[in-house]
PDB file of all heavy atoms in Angstrom:
ATOM      1  N   GLY A   1      75.155  27.787 105.334  1.00  0.00           N
ATOM      2  CA  GLY A   1      75.641  26.516 104.833  1.00  0.00           C
ATOM      3  C   GLY A   1      74.545  25.463 104.730  1.00  0.00           C
ATOM      4  O   GLY A   1      73.364  25.746 104.967  1.00  0.00           O
ATOM      5  N   SER A   2      74.972  24.255 104.386  1.00  0.00           N
ATOM      6  CA  SER A   2      74.033  23.155 104.167  1.00  0.00           C
ATOM      7  C   SER A   2      74.498  21.896 104.891  1.00  0.00           C
ATOM      8  O   SER A   2      75.691  21.690 105.110  1.00  0.00           O
ATOM      9  CB  SER A   2      73.916  22.840 102.666  1.00  0.00           C
ATOM     10  OG  SER A   2      73.410  23.934 101.944  1.00  0.00           O
ATOM     11  N   LEU A   3      73.522  21.078 105.232  1.00  0.00           N
ATOM     12  CA  LEU A   3      73.774  19.746 105.763  1.00  0.00           C
ATOM     13  C   LEU A   3      72.713  18.807 105.214  1.00  0.00           C
ATOM     14  O   LEU A   3      71.585  19.227 104.940  1.00  0.00           O
ATOM     15  CB  LEU A   3      73.713  19.713 107.289  1.00  0.00           C
ATOM     16  CG  LEU A   3      74.883  20.263 108.085  1.00  0.00           C
ATOM     17  CD1 LEU A   3      74.538  20.270 109.577  1.00  0.00           C
ATOM     18  CD2 LEU A   3      76.143  19.457 107.845  1.00  0.00           C
ATOM     19  N   ARG A   4      73.070  17.544 105.105  1.00  0.00           N
ATOM     20  CA  ARG A   4      72.112  16.509 104.717  1.00  0.00           C
ATOM     21  C   ARG A   4      72.093  15.442 105.798  1.00  0.00           C
ATOM     22  O   ARG A   4      73.141  14.870 106.122  1.00  0.00           O
ATOM     23  CB  ARG A   4      72.501  15.882 103.390  1.00  0.00           C
ATOM     24  CG  ARG A   4      71.458  14.922 102.817  1.00  0.00           C
ATOM     25  CD  ARG A   4      72.029  14.158 101.659  1.00  0.00           C
ATOM     26  NE  ARG A   4      71.006  13.507 100.855  1.00  0.00           N
ATOM     27  CZ  ARG A   4      71.238  12.447 100.099  1.00  0.00           C
ATOM     28  NH1 ARG A   4      72.449  11.921 100.044  1.00  0.00           N
ATOM     29  NH2 ARG A   4      70.263  11.912  99.381  1.00  0.00           N
ATOM     30  N   LEU A   5      70.930  15.226 106.355  1.00  0.00           N
ATOM     31  CA  LEU A   5      70.776  14.254 107.427  1.00  0.00           C
ATOM     32  C   LEU A   5      70.104  12.999 106.875  1.00  0.00           C
ATOM     33  O   LEU A   5      68.939  13.029 106.494  1.00  0.00           O
ATOM     34  CB  LEU A   5      69.912  14.820 108.556  1.00  0.00           C
ATOM     35  CG  LEU A   5      70.325  16.148 109.168  1.00  0.00           C
ATOM     36  CD1 LEU A   5      69.373  16.503 110.326  1.00  0.00           C
ATOM     37  CD2 LEU A   5      71.748  16.139 109.639  1.00  0.00           C
ATOM     38  N   PRO A   6      70.819  11.874 106.844  1.00  0.00           N
ATOM     39  CA  PRO A   6      70.159  10.610 106.535  1.00  0.00           C
ATOM     40  C   PRO A   6      69.617   9.974 107.820  1.00  0.00           C
ATOM     41  O   PRO A   6      70.176  10.172 108.895  1.00  0.00           O
ATOM     42  CB  PRO A   6      71.287   9.744 105.954  1.00  0.00           C
ATOM     43  CG  PRO A   6      72.510  10.590 105.982  1.00  0.00           C
ATOM     44  CD  PRO A   6      72.265  11.724 106.912  1.00  0.00           C
ATOM     45  N   CYS A   7      68.566   9.220 107.679  1.00  0.00           N
ATOM     46  CA  CYS A   7      68.037   8.414 108.769  1.00  0.00           C
ATOM     47  C   CYS A   7      67.833   7.002 108.205  1.00  0.00           C
ATOM     48  O   CYS A   7      66.924   6.778 107.395  1.00  0.00           O
ATOM     49  CB  CYS A   7      66.740   8.978 109.304  1.00  0.00           C
ATOM     50  SG  CYS A   7      65.913   7.909 110.514  1.00  0.00           S
ATOM     51  N   ALA A   8      68.696   6.102 108.610  1.00  0.00           N
ATOM     52  CA  ALA A   8      68.620   4.717 108.132  1.00  0.00           C
ATOM     53  C   ALA A   8      67.698   3.908 109.041  1.00  0.00           C
ATOM     54  O   ALA A   8      67.726   4.075 110.268  1.00  0.00           O
ATOM     55  CB  ALA A   8      70.010   4.104 108.111  1.00  0.00           C
ATOM     56  N   THR A   9      66.897   3.045 108.439  1.00  0.00           N
ATOM     57  CA  THR A   9      65.955   2.248 109.218  1.00  0.00           C
ATOM     58  C   THR A   9      66.191   0.767 108.982  1.00  0.00           C
ATOM     59  O   THR A   9      66.743   0.353 107.949  1.00  0.00           O
ATOM     60  CB  THR A   9      64.507   2.580 108.852  1.00  0.00           C
ATOM     61  OG1 THR A   9      64.198   2.043 107.560  1.00  0.00           O
ATOM     62  CG2 THR A   9      64.262   4.075 108.842  1.00  0.00           C
ATOM     63  N   SER A  10      65.767  -0.026 109.931  1.00  0.00           N
ATOM     64  CA  SER A  10      65.849  -1.478 109.797  1.00  0.00           C
ATOM     65  C   SER A  10      64.783  -2.107 110.673  1.00  0.00           C
ATOM     66  O   SER A  10      64.260  -1.478 111.595  1.00  0.00           O
ATOM     67  CB  SER A  10      67.230  -1.984 110.196  1.00  0.00           C
ATOM     68  OG  SER A  10      67.492  -1.686 111.551  1.00  0.00           O
ATOM     69  N   GLY A  11      64.452  -3.339 110.369  1.00  0.00           N
ATOM     70  CA  GLY A  11      63.554  -4.092 111.215  1.00  0.00           C
ATOM     71  C   GLY A  11      62.225  -4.431 110.589  1.00  0.00           C
ATOM     72  O   GLY A  11      61.683  -5.491 110.840  1.00  0.00           O
ATOM     73  N   ARG A  12      61.651  -3.526 109.829  1.00  0.00           N
ATOM     74  CA  ARG A  12      60.362  -3.784 109.199  1.00  0.00           C
ATOM     75  C   ARG A  12      60.386  -3.198 107.785  1.00  0.00           C
ATOM     76  O   ARG A  12      61.355  -2.566 107.385  1.00  0.00           O
ATOM     77  CB  ARG A  12      59.231  -3.141 110.012  1.00  0.00           C
ATOM     78  CG  ARG A  12      59.002  -3.769 111.375  1.00  0.00           C
ATOM     79  CD  ARG A  12      58.445  -5.181 111.277  1.00  0.00           C
ATOM     80  NE  ARG A  12      58.307  -5.839 112.566  1.00  0.00           N
ATOM     81  CZ  ARG A  12      57.226  -5.807 113.309  1.00  0.00           C
ATOM     82  NH1 ARG A  12      56.156  -5.153 112.896  1.00  0.00           N
ATOM     83  NH2 ARG A  12      57.192  -6.439 114.463  1.00  0.00           N
ATOM     84  N   THR A  13      59.321  -3.418 107.039  1.00  0.00           N
ATOM     85  CA  THR A  13      59.249  -2.918 105.663  1.00  0.00           C
ATOM     86  C   THR A  13      59.129  -1.411 105.673  1.00  0.00           C
ATOM     87  O   THR A  13      58.109  -0.851 106.082  1.00  0.00           O
ATOM     88  CB  THR A  13      58.052  -3.537 104.937  1.00  0.00           C
ATOM     89  OG1 THR A  13      58.154  -4.960 104.990  1.00  0.00           O
ATOM     90  CG2 THR A  13      58.031  -3.088 103.490  1.00  0.00           C
ATOM     91  N   PHE A  14      60.191  -0.754 105.227  1.00  0.00           N
ATOM     92  CA  PHE A  14      60.282   0.707 105.288  1.00  0.00           C
ATOM     93  C   PHE A  14      59.126   1.377 104.559  1.00  0.00           C
ATOM     94  O   PHE A  14      58.603   2.393 105.020  1.00  0.00           O
ATOM     95  CB  PHE A  14      61.624   1.133 104.694  1.00  0.00           C
ATOM     96  CG  PHE A  14      61.855   2.609 104.684  1.00  0.00           C
ATOM     97  CD1 PHE A  14      61.949   3.323 105.869  1.00  0.00           C
ATOM     98  CD2 PHE A  14      62.004   3.285 103.487  1.00  0.00           C
ATOM     99  CE1 PHE A  14      62.178   4.683 105.865  1.00  0.00           C
ATOM    100  CE2 PHE A  14      62.236   4.649 103.462  1.00  0.00           C
ATOM    101  CZ  PHE A  14      62.325   5.348 104.660  1.00  0.00           C
ATOM    102  N   SER A  15      58.711   0.826 103.455  1.00  0.00           N
ATOM    103  CA  SER A  15      57.670   1.462 102.649  1.00  0.00           C
ATOM    104  C   SER A  15      56.294   1.410 103.307  1.00  0.00           C
ATOM    105  O   SER A  15      55.348   2.001 102.789  1.00  0.00           O
ATOM    106  CB  SER A  15      57.600   0.814 101.261  1.00  0.00           C
ATOM    107  OG  SER A  15      57.324  -0.576 101.384  1.00  0.00           O
ATOM    108  N   ASN A  16      56.161   0.739 104.434  1.00  0.00           N
ATOM    109  CA  ASN A  16      54.909   0.732 105.185  1.00  0.00           C
ATOM    110  C   ASN A  16      54.814   1.889 106.174  1.00  0.00           C
ATOM    111  O   ASN A  16      53.799   2.023 106.859  1.00  0.00           O
ATOM    112  CB  ASN A  16      54.748  -0.574 105.964  1.00  0.00           C
ATOM    113  CG  ASN A  16      54.464  -1.755 105.062  1.00  0.00           C
ATOM    114  OD1 ASN A  16      54.057  -1.597 103.915  1.00  0.00           O
ATOM    115  ND2 ASN A  16      54.687  -2.954 105.579  1.00  0.00           N
ATOM    116  N   TYR A  17      55.857   2.721 106.237  1.00  0.00           N
ATOM    117  CA  TYR A  17      55.940   3.748 107.260  1.00  0.00           C
ATOM    118  C   TYR A  17      55.983   5.144 106.662  1.00  0.00           C
ATOM    119  O   TYR A  17      56.788   5.427 105.756  1.00  0.00           O
ATOM    120  CB  TYR A  17      57.177   3.543 108.127  1.00  0.00           C
ATOM    121  CG  TYR A  17      57.076   2.321 109.002  1.00  0.00           C
ATOM    122  CD1 TYR A  17      57.367   1.062 108.492  1.00  0.00           C
ATOM    123  CD2 TYR A  17      56.671   2.427 110.328  1.00  0.00           C
ATOM    124  CE1 TYR A  17      57.247  -0.064 109.286  1.00  0.00           C
ATOM    125  CE2 TYR A  17      56.558   1.306 111.125  1.00  0.00           C
ATOM    126  CZ  TYR A  17      56.845   0.068 110.596  1.00  0.00           C
ATOM    127  OH  TYR A  17      56.720  -1.039 111.388  1.00  0.00           O
ATOM    128  N   ALA A  18      55.124   6.021 107.190  1.00  0.00           N
ATOM    129  CA  ALA A  18      55.301   7.446 106.964  1.00  0.00           C
ATOM    130  C   ALA A  18      56.423   7.918 107.886  1.00  0.00           C
ATOM    131  O   ALA A  18      56.603   7.382 108.985  1.00  0.00           O
ATOM    132  CB  ALA A  18      54.013   8.193 107.272  1.00  0.00           C
ATOM    133  N   MET A  19      57.172   8.918 107.435  1.00  0.00           N
ATOM    134  CA  MET A  19      58.349   9.357 108.168  1.00  0.00           C
ATOM    135  C   MET A  19      58.275  10.847 108.466  1.00  0.00           C
ATOM    136  O   MET A  19      57.633  11.614 107.730  1.00  0.00           O
ATOM    137  CB  MET A  19      59.611   9.073 107.357  1.00  0.00           C
ATOM    138  CG  MET A  19      59.805   7.620 106.973  1.00  0.00           C
ATOM    139  SD  MET A  19      60.025   6.541 108.394  1.00  0.00           S
ATOM    140  CE  MET A  19      61.583   7.156 109.040  1.00  0.00           C
ATOM    141  N   GLY A  20      58.955  11.243 109.525  1.00  0.00           N
ATOM    142  CA  GLY A  20      58.990  12.655 109.873  1.00  0.00           C
ATOM    143  C   GLY A  20      60.323  13.038 110.479  1.00  0.00           C
ATOM    144  O   GLY A  20      61.094  12.173 110.927  1.00  0.00           O
ATOM    145  N   TRP A  21      60.588  14.334 110.471  1.00  0.00           N
ATOM    146  CA  TRP A  21      61.748  14.908 111.159  1.00  0.00           C
ATOM    147  C   TRP A  21      61.246  15.941 112.155  1.00  0.00           C
ATOM    148  O   TRP A  21      60.336  16.728 111.849  1.00  0.00           O
ATOM    149  CB  TRP A  21      62.691  15.596 110.172  1.00  0.00           C
ATOM    150  CG  TRP A  21      63.531  14.662 109.372  1.00  0.00           C
ATOM    151  CD1 TRP A  21      63.283  14.191 108.118  1.00  0.00           C
ATOM    152  CD2 TRP A  21      64.782  14.087 109.756  1.00  0.00           C
ATOM    153  NE1 TRP A  21      64.289  13.361 107.708  1.00  0.00           N
ATOM    154  CE2 TRP A  21      65.234  13.282 108.699  1.00  0.00           C
ATOM    155  CE3 TRP A  21      65.576  14.186 110.911  1.00  0.00           C
ATOM    156  CZ2 TRP A  21      66.436  12.581 108.749  1.00  0.00           C
ATOM    157  CZ3 TRP A  21      66.766  13.488 110.958  1.00  0.00           C
ATOM    158  CH2 TRP A  21      67.189  12.693 109.886  1.00  0.00           C
ATOM    159  N   PHE A  22      61.858  15.921 113.326  1.00  0.00           N
ATOM    160  CA  PHE A  22      61.549  16.879 114.386  1.00  0.00           C
ATOM    161  C   PHE A  22      62.842  17.432 114.928  1.00  0.00           C
ATOM    162  O   PHE A  22      63.908  16.834 114.750  1.00  0.00           O
ATOM    163  CB  PHE A  22      60.769  16.190 115.514  1.00  0.00           C
ATOM    164  CG  PHE A  22      59.377  15.759 115.116  1.00  0.00           C
ATOM    165  CD1 PHE A  22      59.182  14.626 114.341  1.00  0.00           C
ATOM    166  CD2 PHE A  22      58.268  16.496 115.499  1.00  0.00           C
ATOM    167  CE1 PHE A  22      57.916  14.237 113.953  1.00  0.00           C
ATOM    168  CE2 PHE A  22      56.988  16.113 115.122  1.00  0.00           C
ATOM    169  CZ  PHE A  22      56.818  14.977 114.341  1.00  0.00           C
ATOM    170  N   LEU A  23      62.766  18.571 115.595  1.00  0.00           N
ATOM    171  CA  LEU A  23      63.945  19.127 116.246  1.00  0.00           C
ATOM    172  C   LEU A  23      63.602  19.480 117.686  1.00  0.00           C
ATOM    173  O   LEU A  23      62.431  19.717 118.028  1.00  0.00           O
ATOM    174  CB  LEU A  23      64.472  20.347 115.494  1.00  0.00           C
ATOM    175  CG  LEU A  23      63.617  21.614 115.408  1.00  0.00           C
ATOM    176  CD1 LEU A  23      63.723  22.491 116.656  1.00  0.00           C
ATOM    177  CD2 LEU A  23      64.021  22.428 114.192  1.00  0.00           C
ATOM    178  N   GLN A  24      64.639  19.505 118.495  1.00  0.00           N
ATOM    179  CA  GLN A  24      64.487  19.943 119.887  1.00  0.00           C
ATOM    180  C   GLN A  24      65.685  20.789 120.268  1.00  0.00           C
ATOM    181  O   GLN A  24      66.816  20.304 120.297  1.00  0.00           O
ATOM    182  CB  GLN A  24      64.343  18.771 120.833  1.00  0.00           C
ATOM    183  CG  GLN A  24      63.979  19.177 122.257  1.00  0.00           C
ATOM    184  CD  GLN A  24      63.467  18.016 123.086  1.00  0.00           C
ATOM    185  OE1 GLN A  24      63.689  16.851 122.774  1.00  0.00           O
ATOM    186  NE2 GLN A  24      62.756  18.329 124.162  1.00  0.00           N
ATOM    187  N   ALA A  25      65.415  22.061 120.508  1.00  0.00           N
ATOM    188  CA  ALA A  25      66.443  22.985 120.961  1.00  0.00           C
ATOM    189  C   ALA A  25      66.526  22.935 122.484  1.00  0.00           C
ATOM    190  O   ALA A  25      65.559  22.546 123.151  1.00  0.00           O
ATOM    191  CB  ALA A  25      66.117  24.397 120.490  1.00  0.00           C
ATOM    192  N   PRO A  26      67.672  23.326 123.046  1.00  0.00           N
ATOM    193  CA  PRO A  26      67.830  23.281 124.508  1.00  0.00           C
ATOM    194  C   PRO A  26      66.743  24.045 125.238  1.00  0.00           C
ATOM    195  O   PRO A  26      66.451  25.196 124.899  1.00  0.00           O
ATOM    196  CB  PRO A  26      69.199  23.924 124.722  1.00  0.00           C
ATOM    197  CG  PRO A  26      69.932  23.687 123.456  1.00  0.00           C
ATOM    198  CD  PRO A  26      68.900  23.773 122.373  1.00  0.00           C
ATOM    199  N   GLY A  27      66.111  23.397 126.196  1.00  0.00           N
ATOM    200  CA  GLY A  27      65.089  24.048 127.000  1.00  0.00           C
ATOM    201  C   GLY A  27      63.744  24.207 126.332  1.00  0.00           C
ATOM    202  O   GLY A  27      62.844  24.862 126.885  1.00  0.00           O
ATOM    203  N   LYS A  28      63.603  23.627 125.143  1.00  0.00           N
ATOM    204  CA  LYS A  28      62.338  23.781 124.413  1.00  0.00           C
ATOM    205  C   LYS A  28      61.715  22.419 124.111  1.00  0.00           C
ATOM    206  O   LYS A  28      62.362  21.385 124.189  1.00  0.00           O
ATOM    207  CB  LYS A  28      62.571  24.543 123.109  1.00  0.00           C
ATOM    208  CG  LYS A  28      63.040  25.977 123.318  1.00  0.00           C
ATOM    209  CD  LYS A  28      63.069  26.740 122.012  1.00  0.00           C
ATOM    210  CE  LYS A  28      63.451  28.194 122.228  1.00  0.00           C
ATOM    211  NZ  LYS A  28      63.458  28.964 120.951  1.00  0.00           N
ATOM    212  N   ASP A  29      60.441  22.461 123.756  1.00  0.00           N
ATOM    213  CA  ASP A  29      59.740  21.238 123.377  1.00  0.00           C
ATOM    214  C   ASP A  29      60.163  20.783 121.984  1.00  0.00           C
ATOM    215  O   ASP A  29      60.687  21.576 121.186  1.00  0.00           O
ATOM    216  CB  ASP A  29      58.231  21.477 123.382  1.00  0.00           C
ATOM    217  CG  ASP A  29      57.693  21.720 124.779  1.00  0.00           C
ATOM    218  OD1 ASP A  29      58.324  21.252 125.749  1.00  0.00           O
ATOM    219  OD2 ASP A  29      56.634  22.374 124.893  1.00  0.00           O
ATOM    220  N   ARG A  30      59.914  19.506 121.712  1.00  0.00           N
ATOM    221  CA  ARG A  30      60.197  18.975 120.382  1.00  0.00           C
ATOM    222  C   ARG A  30      59.236  19.604 119.375  1.00  0.00           C
ATOM    223  O   ARG A  30      58.043  19.725 119.635  1.00  0.00           O
ATOM    224  CB  ARG A  30      60.044  17.455 120.394  1.00  0.00           C
ATOM    225  CG  ARG A  30      60.619  16.766 119.197  1.00  0.00           C
ATOM    226  CD  ARG A  30      60.747  15.286 119.426  1.00  0.00           C
ATOM    227  NE  ARG A  30      61.707  14.971 120.489  1.00  0.00           N
ATOM    228  CZ  ARG A  30      62.097  13.737 120.793  1.00  0.00           C
ATOM    229  NH1 ARG A  30      61.596  12.708 120.140  1.00  0.00           N
ATOM    230  NH2 ARG A  30      62.962  13.536 121.762  1.00  0.00           N
ATOM    231  N   GLU A  31      59.784  20.004 118.211  1.00  0.00           N
ATOM    232  CA  GLU A  31      59.011  20.696 117.192  1.00  0.00           C
ATOM    233  C   GLU A  31      59.031  19.931 115.876  1.00  0.00           C
ATOM    234  O   GLU A  31      60.052  19.352 115.512  1.00  0.00           O
ATOM    235  CB  GLU A  31      59.588  22.094 116.923  1.00  0.00           C
ATOM    236  CG  GLU A  31      59.592  23.025 118.100  1.00  0.00           C
ATOM    237  CD  GLU A  31      60.247  24.352 117.760  1.00  0.00           C
ATOM    238  OE1 GLU A  31      60.581  24.572 116.569  1.00  0.00           O
ATOM    239  OE2 GLU A  31      60.433  25.169 118.679  1.00  0.00           O
ATOM    240  N   PHE A  32      57.935  20.005 115.160  1.00  0.00           N
ATOM    241  CA  PHE A  32      57.834  19.409 113.842  1.00  0.00           C
ATOM    242  C   PHE A  32      58.693  20.175 112.841  1.00  0.00           C
ATOM    243  O   PHE A  32      58.737  21.411 112.858  1.00  0.00           O
ATOM    244  CB  PHE A  32      56.372  19.419 113.395  1.00  0.00           C
ATOM    245  CG  PHE A  32      56.172  19.060 111.951  1.00  0.00           C
ATOM    246  CD1 PHE A  32      56.280  17.749 111.538  1.00  0.00           C
ATOM    247  CD2 PHE A  32      55.886  20.033 111.019  1.00  0.00           C
ATOM    248  CE1 PHE A  32      56.098  17.411 110.215  1.00  0.00           C
ATOM    249  CE2 PHE A  32      55.691  19.716 109.698  1.00  0.00           C
ATOM    250  CZ  PHE A  32      55.801  18.398 109.291  1.00  0.00           C
ATOM    251  N   VAL A  33      59.364  19.440 111.955  1.00  0.00           N
ATOM    252  CA  VAL A  33      60.155  20.049 110.888  1.00  0.00           C
ATOM    253  C   VAL A  33      59.564  19.694 109.519  1.00  0.00           C
ATOM    254  O   VAL A  33      59.242  20.575 108.721  1.00  0.00           O
ATOM    255  CB  VAL A  33      61.621  19.595 110.949  1.00  0.00           C
ATOM    256  CG1 VAL A  33      62.412  20.167 109.778  1.00  0.00           C
ATOM    257  CG2 VAL A  33      62.257  19.999 112.274  1.00  0.00           C
ATOM    258  N   ALA A  34      59.456  18.380 109.243  1.00  0.00           N
ATOM    259  CA  ALA A  34      58.998  17.945 107.921  1.00  0.00           C
ATOM    260  C   ALA A  34      58.465  16.530 108.017  1.00  0.00           C
ATOM    261  O   ALA A  34      58.840  15.773 108.911  1.00  0.00           O
ATOM    262  CB  ALA A  34      60.146  18.009 106.914  1.00  0.00           C
ATOM    263  N   ALA A  35      57.582  16.186 107.072  1.00  0.00           N
ATOM    264  CA  ALA A  35      57.005  14.846 107.042  1.00  0.00           C
ATOM    265  C   ALA A  35      56.844  14.399 105.599  1.00  0.00           C
ATOM    266  O   ALA A  35      56.703  15.226 104.688  1.00  0.00           O
ATOM    267  CB  ALA A  35      55.651  14.811 107.745  1.00  0.00           C
ATOM    268  N   ILE A  36      56.850  13.079 105.412  1.00  0.00           N
ATOM    269  CA  ILE A  36      56.708  12.518 104.076  1.00  0.00           C
ATOM    270  C   ILE A  36      55.860  11.256 104.165  1.00  0.00           C
ATOM    271  O   ILE A  36      55.952  10.490 105.129  1.00  0.00           O
ATOM    272  CB  ILE A  36      58.087  12.241 103.452  1.00  0.00           C
ATOM    273  CG1 ILE A  36      57.981  11.878 101.975  1.00  0.00           C
ATOM    274  CG2 ILE A  36      58.848  11.164 104.229  1.00  0.00           C
ATOM    275  CD1 ILE A  36      59.322  11.937 101.241  1.00  0.00           C
ATOM    276  N   SER A  37      55.046  11.045 103.158  1.00  0.00           N
ATOM    277  CA  SER A  37      54.167   9.887 103.135  1.00  0.00           C
ATOM    278  C   SER A  37      54.933   8.618 102.785  1.00  0.00           C
ATOM    279  O   SER A  37      56.095   8.659 102.367  1.00  0.00           O
ATOM    280  CB  SER A  37      53.049  10.112 102.112  1.00  0.00           C
ATOM    281  OG  SER A  37      53.609  10.272 100.806  1.00  0.00           O
ATOM    282  N   ARG A  38      54.256   7.488 102.921  1.00  0.00           N
ATOM    283  CA  ARG A  38      54.860   6.196 102.554  1.00  0.00           C
ATOM    284  C   ARG A  38      55.378   6.197 101.132  1.00  0.00           C
ATOM    285  O   ARG A  38      56.456   5.690 100.849  1.00  0.00           O
ATOM    286  CB  ARG A  38      53.805   5.098 102.682  1.00  0.00           C
ATOM    287  CG  ARG A  38      53.520   4.585 104.026  1.00  0.00           C
ATOM    288  CD  ARG A  38      52.411   3.539 103.969  1.00  0.00           C
ATOM    289  NE  ARG A  38      52.655   2.529 102.954  1.00  0.00           N
ATOM    290  CZ  ARG A  38      51.789   1.567 102.658  1.00  0.00           C
ATOM    291  NH1 ARG A  38      50.632   1.485 103.295  1.00  0.00           N
ATOM    292  NH2 ARG A  38      52.056   0.682 101.739  1.00  0.00           N
ATOM    293  N   SER A  39      54.565   6.737 100.238  1.00  0.00           N
ATOM    294  CA  SER A  39      54.906   6.719  98.822  1.00  0.00           C
ATOM    295  C   SER A  39      55.963   7.753  98.464  1.00  0.00           C
ATOM    296  O   SER A  39      56.576   7.667  97.397  1.00  0.00           O
ATOM    297  CB  SER A  39      53.648   6.985  97.990  1.00  0.00           C
ATOM    298  OG  SER A  39      53.155   8.280  98.264  1.00  0.00           O
ATOM    299  N   GLY A  40      56.133   8.744  99.318  1.00  0.00           N
ATOM    300  CA  GLY A  40      57.069   9.819  99.024  1.00  0.00           C
ATOM    301  C   GLY A  40      56.474  10.940  98.198  1.00  0.00           C
ATOM    302  O   GLY A  40      57.154  11.933  97.940  1.00  0.00           O
ATOM    303  N   THR A  41      55.209  10.804  97.803  1.00  0.00           N
ATOM    304  CA  THR A  41      54.626  11.804  96.925  1.00  0.00           C
ATOM    305  C   THR A  41      54.003  12.969  97.677  1.00  0.00           C
ATOM    306  O   THR A  41      53.728  14.017  97.084  1.00  0.00           O
ATOM    307  CB  THR A  41      53.553  11.165  96.030  1.00  0.00           C
ATOM    308  OG1 THR A  41      52.586  10.501  96.859  1.00  0.00           O
ATOM    309  CG2 THR A  41      54.182  10.155  95.086  1.00  0.00           C
ATOM    310  N   SER A  42      53.758  12.800  98.971  1.00  0.00           N
ATOM    311  CA  SER A  42      53.193  13.887  99.785  1.00  0.00           C
ATOM    312  C   SER A  42      54.202  14.308 100.835  1.00  0.00           C
ATOM    313  O   SER A  42      54.757  13.461 101.543  1.00  0.00           O
ATOM    314  CB  SER A  42      51.900  13.426 100.471  1.00  0.00           C
ATOM    315  OG  SER A  42      50.926  13.041  99.526  1.00  0.00           O
ATOM    316  N   THR A  43      54.416  15.614 100.932  1.00  0.00           N
ATOM    317  CA  THR A  43      55.317  16.159 101.942  1.00  0.00           C
ATOM    318  C   THR A  43      54.680  17.364 102.609  1.00  0.00           C
ATOM    319  O   THR A  43      53.758  17.990 102.067  1.00  0.00           O
ATOM    320  CB  THR A  43      56.660  16.590 101.328  1.00  0.00           C
ATOM    321  OG1 THR A  43      56.415  17.565 100.301  1.00  0.00           O
ATOM    322  CG2 THR A  43      57.406  15.403 100.732  1.00  0.00           C
ATOM    323  N   HIS A  44      55.197  17.682 103.779  1.00  0.00           N
ATOM    324  CA  HIS A  44      54.667  18.814 104.559  1.00  0.00           C
ATOM    325  C   HIS A  44      55.810  19.396 105.376  1.00  0.00           C
ATOM    326  O   HIS A  44      56.672  18.635 105.855  1.00  0.00           O
ATOM    327  CB  HIS A  44      53.549  18.318 105.478  1.00  0.00           C
ATOM    328  CG  HIS A  44      52.913  19.381 106.299  1.00  0.00           C
ATOM    329  ND1 HIS A  44      52.315  20.494 105.750  1.00  0.00           N
ATOM    330  CD2 HIS A  44      52.793  19.516 107.655  1.00  0.00           C
ATOM    331  CE1 HIS A  44      51.850  21.254 106.721  1.00  0.00           C
ATOM    332  NE2 HIS A  44      52.126  20.685 107.881  1.00  0.00           N
TER     333      HIS A  44
END
């Protein structure tokens, strides 16, 4: 199946921030999932 996770931000100018998603499974360290640049043109 599929899910879409939004992350809403507030407080400062959003476009000044690079963003990332991480996950943490039970008993494990936090892991990198995906990242995006300020402009949105670069992803990893």
